[in-house]
């Protein structure tokens, strides 16, 4: 299992070594020590490998991830798992703004809190936050799920499309075109599956959540809705 010390080796060398790994590599598990908040650690991966980052990461950690599992053993800066395609990104601490921005697939799991605009323009990713999320989260979210065990800040789901938002705690306010929707059996089953994927099955009751989605009044421009855009 290779261990890379980022105080001794350049970050570019680490990412280059990870980028050339083939799906059948005999080095599927990597450890990164002394990350010291460096940006773009383990970005652009495209192999079924496991990367453990021992400490805090800076901006865009695990961005554009595909297939890999990246575990951040501390906090993550802006844009963690940005544009992720598949795989798993697990933040054991808190995440800054725009976590999972534009991500199209995979699972982003955040053990702590997430800052503003969590899941902005998400396009199919499943995001689960064990803590709370900041304002304007799921702004223009197009597909996927955002599950939050804590509270949500102002303007949740502003201008969202078809993403499903499951919030257990309090919601400060809803954004334009975001409304609370009924929780049918199909939604509870979907929520249970997301909780199970995050290792929370049996620990968290899906019945404690409320579902939010699009009122679908802003899909097409209409002059009567001009003030909401």
C-alpha atoms as a PDB file:
ATOM      1  CA  UNK A   1       0.000   0.000   0.000  1.00  0.00           C
ATOM      2  CA  UNK A   2       1.836   3.144  -1.151  1.00  0.00           C
ATOM      3  CA  UNK A   3       2.057   6.034   1.297  1.00  0.00           C
ATOM      4  CA  UNK A   4       2.770   9.503  -0.069  1.00  0.00           C
ATOM      5  CA  UNK A   5       3.975  12.306   2.212  1.00  0.00           C
ATOM      6  CA  UNK A   6       3.031  15.633   0.638  1.00  0.00           C
ATOM      7  CA  UNK A   7       5.662  17.432   2.709  1.00  0.00           C
ATOM      8  CA  UNK A   8       8.309  15.349   0.945  1.00  0.00           C
ATOM      9  CA  UNK A   9       6.767  14.842  -2.506  1.00  0.00           C
ATOM     10  CA  UNK A  10       4.971  17.338  -4.782  1.00  0.00           C
ATOM     11  CA  UNK A  11       1.210  17.094  -5.152  1.00  0.00           C
ATOM     12  CA  UNK A  12       1.521  16.947  -8.924  1.00  0.00           C
ATOM     13  CA  UNK A  13       3.601  13.787  -8.649  1.00  0.00           C
ATOM     14  CA  UNK A  14       0.927  12.161  -6.475  1.00  0.00           C
ATOM     15  CA  UNK A  15      -1.895  12.990  -8.883  1.00  0.00           C
ATOM     16  CA  UNK A  16       0.176  11.864 -11.861  1.00  0.00           C
ATOM     17  CA  UNK A  17       0.843   8.505 -10.197  1.00  0.00           C
ATOM     18  CA  UNK A  18      -2.862   8.063  -9.420  1.00  0.00           C
ATOM     19  CA  UNK A  19      -3.936   9.027 -12.948  1.00  0.00           C
ATOM     20  CA  UNK A  20      -1.910   6.284 -14.656  1.00  0.00           C
ATOM     21  CA  UNK A  21      -3.306   3.446 -12.541  1.00  0.00           C
ATOM     22  CA  UNK A  22      -5.159   0.804 -14.522  1.00  0.00           C
ATOM     23  CA  UNK A  23      -8.359  -0.903 -13.337  1.00  0.00           C
ATOM     24  CA  UNK A  24      -6.375  -4.100 -12.615  1.00  0.00           C
ATOM     25  CA  UNK A  25      -3.630  -2.332 -10.657  1.00  0.00           C
ATOM     26  CA  UNK A  26      -1.913  -4.273  -7.865  1.00  0.00           C
ATOM     27  CA  UNK A  27      -1.724  -1.036  -5.844  1.00  0.00           C
ATOM     28  CA  UNK A  28      -5.420  -0.351  -5.193  1.00  0.00           C
ATOM     29  CA  UNK A  29      -4.981   1.321  -1.783  1.00  0.00           C
ATOM     30  CA  UNK A  30      -3.084   4.568  -1.230  1.00  0.00           C
ATOM     31  CA  UNK A  31      -2.502   6.734   1.827  1.00  0.00           C
ATOM     32  CA  UNK A  32      -1.711  10.451   1.684  1.00  0.00           C
ATOM     33  CA  UNK A  33      -0.150  11.978   4.793  1.00  0.00           C
ATOM     34  CA  UNK A  34       0.500  15.612   5.677  1.00  0.00           C
ATOM     35  CA  UNK A  35      -1.974  17.021   3.138  1.00  0.00           C
ATOM     36  CA  UNK A  36      -1.876  20.366   4.994  1.00  0.00           C
ATOM     37  CA  UNK A  37      -4.899  21.744   3.144  1.00  0.00           C
ATOM     38  CA  UNK A  38      -3.407  21.460  -0.339  1.00  0.00           C
ATOM     39  CA  UNK A  39      -5.784  21.952  -3.237  1.00  0.00           C
ATOM     40  CA  UNK A  40      -6.976  19.375  -5.803  1.00  0.00           C
ATOM     41  CA  UNK A  41      -5.667  16.334  -3.958  1.00  0.00           C
ATOM     42  CA  UNK A  42      -6.716  13.117  -5.732  1.00  0.00           C
ATOM     43  CA  UNK A  43      -8.563  15.032  -8.438  1.00  0.00           C
ATOM     44  CA  UNK A  44      -9.486  13.428 -11.746  1.00  0.00           C
ATOM     45  CA  UNK A  45      -9.198   9.785 -10.667  1.00  0.00           C
ATOM     46  CA  UNK A  46     -10.528   7.090 -12.999  1.00  0.00           C
ATOM     47  CA  UNK A  47      -9.815   3.687 -11.442  1.00  0.00           C
ATOM     48  CA  UNK A  48     -11.474   1.569  -8.723  1.00  0.00           C
ATOM     49  CA  UNK A  49      -8.889   2.465  -6.083  1.00  0.00           C
ATOM     50  CA  UNK A  50      -9.092   3.597  -2.451  1.00  0.00           C
ATOM     51  CA  UNK A  51      -7.301   6.779  -1.388  1.00  0.00           C
ATOM     52  CA  UNK A  52      -7.114   7.710   2.299  1.00  0.00           C
ATOM     53  CA  UNK A  53      -6.142  11.324   3.007  1.00  0.00           C
ATOM     54  CA  UNK A  54      -4.868  11.689   6.551  1.00  0.00           C
ATOM     55  CA  UNK A  55      -5.834  15.248   7.402  1.00  0.00           C
ATOM     56  CA  UNK A  56      -7.494  18.343   5.978  1.00  0.00           C
ATOM     57  CA  UNK A  57      -7.813  18.985   2.242  1.00  0.00           C
ATOM     58  CA  UNK A  58      -8.108  22.268   0.371  1.00  0.00           C
ATOM     59  CA  UNK A  59     -10.181  23.254  -2.648  1.00  0.00           C
ATOM     60  CA  UNK A  60     -11.603  20.701  -5.117  1.00  0.00           C
ATOM     61  CA  UNK A  61     -10.374  17.563  -3.400  1.00  0.00           C
ATOM     62  CA  UNK A  62     -11.532  14.472  -5.340  1.00  0.00           C
ATOM     63  CA  UNK A  63     -12.980  16.674  -8.055  1.00  0.00           C
ATOM     64  CA  UNK A  64     -14.091  14.854 -11.230  1.00  0.00           C
ATOM     65  CA  UNK A  65     -13.830  11.553  -9.387  1.00  0.00           C
ATOM     66  CA  UNK A  66     -14.727   8.425 -11.322  1.00  0.00           C
ATOM     67  CA  UNK A  67     -14.806   4.932  -9.783  1.00  0.00           C
ATOM     68  CA  UNK A  68     -12.483   5.702  -6.872  1.00  0.00           C
ATOM     69  CA  UNK A  69     -13.219   5.866  -3.156  1.00  0.00           C
ATOM     70  CA  UNK A  70     -11.595   8.895  -1.542  1.00  0.00           C
ATOM     71  CA  UNK A  71     -11.733   9.294   2.246  1.00  0.00           C
ATOM     72  CA  UNK A  72     -10.736  12.646   3.736  1.00  0.00           C
ATOM     73  CA  UNK A  73      -9.779  12.238   7.365  1.00  0.00           C
ATOM     74  CA  UNK A  74     -10.463  15.873   8.243  1.00  0.00           C
ATOM     75  CA  UNK A  75     -12.196  18.878   6.736  1.00  0.00           C
ATOM     76  CA  UNK A  76     -12.518  19.687   3.031  1.00  0.00           C
ATOM     77  CA  UNK A  77     -12.365  23.056   1.304  1.00  0.00           C
ATOM     78  CA  UNK A  78     -14.526  24.539  -1.428  1.00  0.00           C
ATOM     79  CA  UNK A  79     -15.887  22.212  -4.105  1.00  0.00           C
ATOM     80  CA  UNK A  80     -15.085  18.796  -2.679  1.00  0.00           C
ATOM     81  CA  UNK A  81     -16.177  16.096  -5.173  1.00  0.00           C
ATOM     82  CA  UNK A  82     -17.001  18.792  -7.723  1.00  0.00           C
ATOM     83  CA  UNK A  83     -18.289  17.216 -10.949  1.00  0.00           C
ATOM     84  CA  UNK A  84     -17.898  13.702  -9.561  1.00  0.00           C
ATOM     85  CA  UNK A  85     -19.086  11.046 -12.003  1.00  0.00           C
ATOM     86  CA  UNK A  86     -19.103   7.908  -9.833  1.00  0.00           C
ATOM     87  CA  UNK A  87     -17.431   6.338  -6.833  1.00  0.00           C
ATOM     88  CA  UNK A  88     -17.510   7.510  -3.223  1.00  0.00           C
ATOM     89  CA  UNK A  89     -16.088  10.595  -1.528  1.00  0.00           C
ATOM     90  CA  UNK A  90     -16.277  10.513   2.272  1.00  0.00           C
ATOM     91  CA  UNK A  91     -15.467  13.621   4.323  1.00  0.00           C
ATOM     92  CA  UNK A  92     -15.000  12.695   7.973  1.00  0.00           C
ATOM     93  CA  UNK A  93     -15.109  16.335   9.054  1.00  0.00           C
ATOM     94  CA  UNK A  94     -16.868  19.433   7.705  1.00  0.00           C
ATOM     95  CA  UNK A  95     -17.069  20.577   4.094  1.00  0.00           C
ATOM     96  CA  UNK A  96     -16.883  24.155   2.867  1.00  0.00           C
ATOM     97  CA  UNK A  97     -19.015  25.755   0.150  1.00  0.00           C
ATOM     98  CA  UNK A  98     -20.257  24.080  -3.023  1.00  0.00           C
ATOM     99  CA  UNK A  99     -19.723  20.491  -1.895  1.00  0.00           C
ATOM    100  CA  UNK A 100     -20.672  18.171  -4.737  1.00  0.00           C
ATOM    101  CA  UNK A 101     -21.204  21.018  -7.188  1.00  0.00           C
ATOM    102  CA  UNK A 102     -22.391  19.815 -10.632  1.00  0.00           C
ATOM    103  CA  UNK A 103     -21.691  16.199  -9.623  1.00  0.00           C
ATOM    104  CA  UNK A 104     -23.337  13.670 -11.917  1.00  0.00           C
ATOM    105  CA  UNK A 105     -23.116  10.412  -9.959  1.00  0.00           C
ATOM    106  CA  UNK A 106     -21.653   8.537  -7.039  1.00  0.00           C
ATOM    107  CA  UNK A 107     -22.035   9.183  -3.309  1.00  0.00           C
ATOM    108  CA  UNK A 108     -20.719  12.160  -1.361  1.00  0.00           C
ATOM    109  CA  UNK A 109     -20.889  11.494   2.375  1.00  0.00           C
ATOM    110  CA  UNK A 110     -20.115  14.282   4.841  1.00  0.00           C
ATOM    111  CA  UNK A 111     -19.925  13.368   8.525  1.00  0.00           C
ATOM    112  CA  UNK A 112     -20.018  16.980   9.719  1.00  0.00           C
ATOM    113  CA  UNK A 113     -21.629  20.126   8.353  1.00  0.00           C
ATOM    114  CA  UNK A 114     -21.557  21.525   4.822  1.00  0.00           C
ATOM    115  CA  UNK A 115     -21.342  25.199   3.939  1.00  0.00           C
ATOM    116  CA  UNK A 116     -23.366  27.297   1.530  1.00  0.00           C
ATOM    117  CA  UNK A 117     -24.505  25.983  -1.848  1.00  0.00           C
ATOM    118  CA  UNK A 118     -24.085  22.326  -1.037  1.00  0.00           C
ATOM    119  CA  UNK A 119     -25.138  20.382  -4.129  1.00  0.00           C
ATOM    120  CA  UNK A 120     -25.348  23.441  -6.377  1.00  0.00           C
ATOM    121  CA  UNK A 121     -26.402  22.346  -9.873  1.00  0.00           C
ATOM    122  CA  UNK A 122     -26.114  18.679  -8.910  1.00  0.00           C
ATOM    123  CA  UNK A 123     -26.900  16.399 -11.818  1.00  0.00           C
ATOM    124  CA  UNK A 124     -27.407  12.927 -10.380  1.00  0.00           C
ATOM    125  CA  UNK A 125     -25.123  12.561  -7.362  1.00  0.00           C
ATOM    126  CA  UNK A 126     -26.369  11.347  -3.986  1.00  0.00           C
ATOM    127  CA  UNK A 127     -25.208  13.675  -1.204  1.00  0.00           C
ATOM    128  CA  UNK A 128     -25.718  12.792   2.449  1.00  0.00           C
ATOM    129  CA  UNK A 129     -24.787  15.252   5.191  1.00  0.00           C
ATOM    130  CA  UNK A 130     -24.934  14.053   8.783  1.00  0.00           C
ATOM    131  CA  UNK A 131     -24.829  17.609  10.108  1.00  0.00           C
ATOM    132  CA  UNK A 132     -26.443  20.766   8.731  1.00  0.00           C
ATOM    133  CA  UNK A 133     -26.101  22.657   5.435  1.00  0.00           C
ATOM    134  CA  UNK A 134     -25.749  26.345   4.632  1.00  0.00           C
ATOM    135  CA  UNK A 135     -27.822  28.748   2.564  1.00  0.00           C
ATOM    136  CA  UNK A 136     -28.709  28.281  -1.121  1.00  0.00           C
ATOM    137  CA  UNK A 137     -28.049  24.550  -0.996  1.00  0.00           C
ATOM    138  CA  UNK A 138     -29.307  22.554  -3.990  1.00  0.00           C
ATOM    139  CA  UNK A 139     -29.534  25.779  -6.016  1.00  0.00           C
ATOM    140  CA  UNK A 140     -30.558  24.777  -9.563  1.00  0.00           C
ATOM    141  CA  UNK A 141     -30.233  21.102  -8.597  1.00  0.00           C
ATOM    142  CA  UNK A 142     -31.241  19.042 -11.598  1.00  0.00           C
ATOM    143  CA  UNK A 143     -31.160  15.383 -10.491  1.00  0.00           C
ATOM    144  CA  UNK A 144     -30.046  13.174  -7.630  1.00  0.00           C
ATOM    145  CA  UNK A 145     -30.751  13.335  -3.912  1.00  0.00           C
ATOM    146  CA  UNK A 146     -29.638  15.560  -1.051  1.00  0.00           C
ATOM    147  CA  UNK A 147     -30.227  14.007   2.362  1.00  0.00           C
ATOM    148  CA  UNK A 148     -29.555  16.081   5.471  1.00  0.00           C
ATOM    149  CA  UNK A 149     -29.820  14.793   9.013  1.00  0.00           C
ATOM    150  CA  UNK A 150     -29.539  18.278  10.497  1.00  0.00           C
ATOM    151  CA  UNK A 151     -30.922  21.670   9.476  1.00  0.00           C
ATOM    152  CA  UNK A 152     -30.925  23.606   6.200  1.00  0.00           C
ATOM    153  CA  UNK A 153     -30.138  27.295   5.758  1.00  0.00           C
ATOM    154  CA  UNK A 154     -31.963  29.967   3.789  1.00  0.00           C
ATOM    155  CA  UNK A 155     -33.304  29.529   0.247  1.00  0.00           C
ATOM    156  CA  UNK A 156     -33.113  25.730   0.121  1.00  0.00           C
ATOM    157  CA  UNK A 157     -33.601  24.363  -3.375  1.00  0.00           C
ATOM    158  CA  UNK A 158     -33.834  27.724  -5.111  1.00  0.00           C
ATOM    159  CA  UNK A 159     -34.758  27.207  -8.787  1.00  0.00           C
ATOM    160  CA  UNK A 160     -34.272  23.448  -8.576  1.00  0.00           C
ATOM    161  CA  UNK A 161     -35.479  21.011 -11.212  1.00  0.00           C
ATOM    162  CA  UNK A 162     -35.950  17.309 -10.412  1.00  0.00           C
ATOM    163  CA  UNK A 163     -33.578  16.625  -7.511  1.00  0.00           C
ATOM    164  CA  UNK A 164     -35.154  15.248  -4.350  1.00  0.00           C
ATOM    165  CA  UNK A 165     -34.293  16.876  -1.033  1.00  0.00           C
ATOM    166  CA  UNK A 166     -34.779  14.971   2.221  1.00  0.00           C
ATOM    167  CA  UNK A 167     -34.306  17.104   5.345  1.00  0.00           C
ATOM    168  CA  UNK A 168     -34.716  15.823   8.905  1.00  0.00           C
ATOM    169  CA  UNK A 169     -34.169  19.102  10.747  1.00  0.00           C
ATOM    170  CA  UNK A 170     -35.514  22.630  10.409  1.00  0.00           C
ATOM    171  CA  UNK A 171     -35.469  24.553   7.127  1.00  0.00           C
ATOM    172  CA  UNK A 172     -34.863  28.287   7.519  1.00  0.00           C
ATOM    173  CA  UNK A 173     -36.605  29.125   4.235  1.00  0.00           C
ATOM    174  CA  UNK A 174     -37.307  27.703   0.800  1.00  0.00           C
ATOM    175  CA  UNK A 175     -35.965  29.217  -2.397  1.00  0.00           C
ATOM    176  CA  UNK A 176     -37.938  30.155  -5.491  1.00  0.00           C
ATOM    177  CA  UNK A 177     -40.047  27.279  -6.851  1.00  0.00           C
ATOM    178  CA  UNK A 178     -39.118  24.887  -4.037  1.00  0.00           C
ATOM    179  CA  UNK A 179     -42.018  23.396  -2.079  1.00  0.00           C
ATOM    180  CA  UNK A 180     -42.570  20.680   0.485  1.00  0.00           C
ATOM    181  CA  UNK A 181     -44.012  17.525  -1.063  1.00  0.00           C
ATOM    182  CA  UNK A 182     -45.682  14.422   0.370  1.00  0.00           C
ATOM    183  CA  UNK A 183     -43.564  11.444   1.394  1.00  0.00           C
ATOM    184  CA  UNK A 184     -44.971   8.404  -0.396  1.00  0.00           C
ATOM    185  CA  UNK A 185     -43.776   4.844   0.166  1.00  0.00           C
ATOM    186  CA  UNK A 186     -41.523   5.093  -2.898  1.00  0.00           C
ATOM    187  CA  UNK A 187     -39.792   8.119  -1.394  1.00  0.00           C
ATOM    188  CA  UNK A 188     -39.320   6.426   1.977  1.00  0.00           C
ATOM    189  CA  UNK A 189     -37.831   3.428   0.187  1.00  0.00           C
ATOM    190  CA  UNK A 190     -35.471   5.663  -1.765  1.00  0.00           C
ATOM    191  CA  UNK A 191     -34.453   7.499   1.399  1.00  0.00           C
ATOM    192  CA  UNK A 192     -33.858   4.225   3.232  1.00  0.00           C
ATOM    193  CA  UNK A 193     -31.602   3.064   0.384  1.00  0.00           C
ATOM    194  CA  UNK A 194     -29.530   6.256   0.648  1.00  0.00           C
ATOM    195  CA  UNK A 195     -29.231   5.905   4.417  1.00  0.00           C
ATOM    196  CA  UNK A 196     -28.213   2.270   3.988  1.00  0.00           C
ATOM    197  CA  UNK A 197     -25.538   3.206   1.450  1.00  0.00           C
ATOM    198  CA  UNK A 198     -24.145   5.626   4.040  1.00  0.00           C
ATOM    199  CA  UNK A 199     -24.109   2.941   6.730  1.00  0.00           C
ATOM    200  CA  UNK A 200     -27.012   4.475   8.637  1.00  0.00           C
ATOM    201  CA  UNK A 201     -29.692   1.830   8.147  1.00  0.00           C
ATOM    202  CA  UNK A 202     -31.303   1.101  11.498  1.00  0.00           C
ATOM    203  CA  UNK A 203     -29.774   4.195  13.077  1.00  0.00           C
ATOM    204  CA  UNK A 204     -31.930   6.870  11.438  1.00  0.00           C
ATOM    205  CA  UNK A 205     -35.702   6.660  10.937  1.00  0.00           C
ATOM    206  CA  UNK A 206     -36.797   7.694   7.397  1.00  0.00           C
ATOM    207  CA  UNK A 207     -40.110   8.760   8.920  1.00  0.00           C
ATOM    208  CA  UNK A 208     -38.385  11.737  10.565  1.00  0.00           C
ATOM    209  CA  UNK A 209     -37.631  13.411   7.223  1.00  0.00           C
ATOM    210  CA  UNK A 210     -39.595  15.805   5.034  1.00  0.00           C
ATOM    211  CA  UNK A 211     -39.296  15.896   1.265  1.00  0.00           C
ATOM    212  CA  UNK A 212     -38.840  18.999  -0.877  1.00  0.00           C
ATOM    213  CA  UNK A 213     -38.926  19.373  -4.620  1.00  0.00           C
ATOM    214  CA  UNK A 214     -39.768  21.641  -7.517  1.00  0.00           C
ATOM    215  CA  UNK A 215     -43.165  23.283  -7.944  1.00  0.00           C
ATOM    216  CA  UNK A 216     -42.277  23.282 -11.679  1.00  0.00           C
ATOM    217  CA  UNK A 217     -43.538  26.783 -12.298  1.00  0.00           C
ATOM    218  CA  UNK A 218     -40.157  28.129 -13.474  1.00  0.00           C
ATOM    219  CA  UNK A 219     -39.359  25.459 -16.083  1.00  0.00           C
ATOM    220  CA  UNK A 220     -40.266  27.886 -18.865  1.00  0.00           C
ATOM    221  CA  UNK A 221     -40.188  31.645 -18.733  1.00  0.00           C
ATOM    222  CA  UNK A 222     -43.564  33.270 -18.163  1.00  0.00           C
ATOM    223  CA  UNK A 223     -43.992  36.971 -17.571  1.00  0.00           C
ATOM    224  CA  UNK A 224     -46.227  36.323 -14.555  1.00  0.00           C
ATOM    225  CA  UNK A 225     -43.258  34.650 -12.824  1.00  0.00           C
ATOM    226  CA  UNK A 226     -40.665  37.276 -13.773  1.00  0.00           C
ATOM    227  CA  UNK A 227     -40.164  38.374 -10.195  1.00  0.00           C
ATOM    228  CA  UNK A 228     -39.161  34.869  -9.105  1.00  0.00           C
ATOM    229  CA  UNK A 229     -36.254  34.450 -11.537  1.00  0.00           C
END
